[in-house]
């Protein structure tokens, strides 16, 4: 797989971020949580919810071509989320996003 491009999320990415988070929750996380928990969590990640989060933390996306395929967010010194589209899991996108988030945090003076 060609290397993904990682950048700060744009407001125009909110729909795609929402879609990938909900897919990851319903496919990957559904194996570990009951349906009512998945439904409740997914409800927080509609496009409006994603935009709200983007206003309160740094959100990044990984692009494969022009497609948003993964996302991660950083709130001060805490990684708040990492999600990868189910069909793109296992290709190192989550690891690449974490390295990027760690670099951003280090550059901001976070040491742990």
Protein backbone atom coordinates (compact mmCIF):
# COMPACT_ATOMS: atom_id res chain seq x y z
CA UNK A 1 0.00 0.00 0.00
CA UNK A 2 1.23 3.47 -0.82
CA UNK A 3 1.94 5.60 2.20
CA UNK A 4 -1.05 7.52 3.50
CA UNK A 5 -0.96 11.29 3.75
CA UNK A 6 -1.67 12.57 7.26
CA UNK A 7 -2.93 16.09 7.87
CA UNK A 8 -5.02 18.14 10.24
CA UNK A 9 -8.72 17.53 9.66
CA UNK A 10 -10.74 20.17 7.85
CA UNK A 11 -14.35 21.08 8.55
CA UNK A 12 -15.18 19.53 5.19
CA UNK A 13 -13.87 16.17 6.49
CA UNK A 14 -16.52 15.93 9.24
CA UNK A 15 -18.94 13.73 7.25
CA UNK A 16 -16.19 11.31 6.22
CA UNK A 17 -14.77 11.18 9.76
CA UNK A 18 -18.24 10.50 11.13
CA UNK A 19 -18.79 7.70 8.63
CA UNK A 20 -15.50 5.98 9.30
CA UNK A 21 -15.91 6.19 13.09
CA UNK A 22 -19.41 4.72 12.95
CA UNK A 23 -18.23 1.92 10.63
CA UNK A 24 -15.31 1.11 12.94
CA UNK A 25 -17.59 1.12 15.97
CA UNK A 26 -20.19 -1.12 14.35
CA UNK A 27 -17.66 -3.56 12.88
CA UNK A 28 -14.59 -3.65 15.11
CA UNK A 29 -15.84 -2.45 18.49
CA UNK A 30 -19.15 -4.32 18.27
CA UNK A 31 -17.24 -7.49 19.09
CA UNK A 32 -16.43 -6.09 22.54
CA UNK A 33 -19.51 -4.04 23.49
CA UNK A 34 -23.27 -4.66 23.48
CA UNK A 35 -25.38 -3.00 20.76
CA UNK A 36 -26.86 -0.37 23.09
CA UNK A 37 -23.37 0.86 24.04
CA UNK A 38 -22.29 0.97 20.38
CA UNK A 39 -25.47 2.90 19.48
CA UNK A 40 -24.89 5.40 22.29
CA UNK A 41 -21.25 5.97 21.38
CA UNK A 42 -22.00 6.18 17.64
CA UNK A 43 -24.61 8.84 18.40
CA UNK A 44 -21.82 11.10 19.66
CA UNK A 45 -20.00 10.91 16.34
CA UNK A 46 -22.49 12.25 13.81
CA UNK A 47 -21.07 15.04 11.61
CA UNK A 48 -22.23 17.74 14.04
CA UNK A 49 -20.60 15.88 16.93
CA UNK A 50 -17.37 15.54 14.98
CA UNK A 51 -17.37 19.27 14.21
CA UNK A 52 -17.86 20.01 17.89
CA UNK A 53 -14.90 17.79 18.77
CA UNK A 54 -12.81 19.47 16.07
CA UNK A 55 -13.39 22.78 17.86
CA UNK A 56 -12.13 21.41 21.17
CA UNK A 57 -9.18 19.22 20.17
CA UNK A 58 -6.71 18.60 17.39
CA UNK A 59 -8.12 16.11 14.92
CA UNK A 60 -6.04 14.45 12.21
CA UNK A 61 -6.95 12.30 9.23
CA UNK A 62 -5.08 9.78 7.14
CA UNK A 63 -5.88 9.94 3.44
CA UNK A 64 -5.48 7.15 0.95
CA UNK A 65 -5.71 9.00 -2.30
CA UNK A 66 -8.40 11.58 -1.60
CA UNK A 67 -10.36 9.27 0.74
CA UNK A 68 -10.36 9.78 4.52
CA UNK A 69 -9.56 6.30 5.85
CA UNK A 70 -8.50 6.93 9.45
CA UNK A 71 -8.62 9.57 12.16
CA UNK A 72 -7.06 10.36 15.52
CA UNK A 73 -7.44 13.21 17.96
CA UNK A 74 -5.34 14.86 20.63
CA UNK A 75 -6.70 16.94 23.52
CA UNK A 76 -3.82 18.69 25.24
CA UNK A 77 -1.68 15.73 26.34
CA UNK A 78 -4.23 12.93 25.84
CA UNK A 79 -4.90 10.89 22.73
CA UNK A 80 -8.68 10.83 22.68
CA UNK A 81 -9.47 8.60 19.72
CA UNK A 82 -7.99 6.52 16.93
CA UNK A 83 -10.29 4.94 14.33
CA UNK A 84 -9.48 3.18 11.05
CA UNK A 85 -12.00 2.07 8.43
CA UNK A 86 -12.52 -1.67 8.92
CA UNK A 87 -11.38 -2.56 5.38
CA UNK A 88 -8.17 -0.54 5.91
CA UNK A 89 -7.25 -2.01 9.31
CA UNK A 90 -4.02 -3.96 9.60
CA UNK A 91 -2.11 -1.75 7.15
CA UNK A 92 -0.27 0.45 9.65
CA UNK A 93 -2.58 3.48 9.43
CA UNK A 94 -3.28 3.57 13.17
CA UNK A 95 0.44 3.29 13.90
CA UNK A 96 1.24 6.10 11.44
CA UNK A 97 -1.43 8.32 13.00
CA UNK A 98 -0.10 7.63 16.51
CA UNK A 99 3.44 8.56 15.43
CA UNK A 100 2.07 11.78 13.95
CA UNK A 101 0.05 12.61 17.09
CA UNK A 102 3.07 11.87 19.29
CA UNK A 103 5.22 14.19 17.16
CA UNK A 104 2.61 16.97 17.41
CA UNK A 105 2.42 16.50 21.18
CA UNK A 106 6.20 16.50 21.56
CA UNK A 107 6.45 19.68 19.47
CA UNK A 108 3.89 21.25 21.83
CA UNK A 109 6.06 20.40 24.84
CA UNK A 110 4.29 17.22 25.98
CA UNK A 111 6.81 14.74 27.32
CA UNK A 112 4.55 11.84 28.40
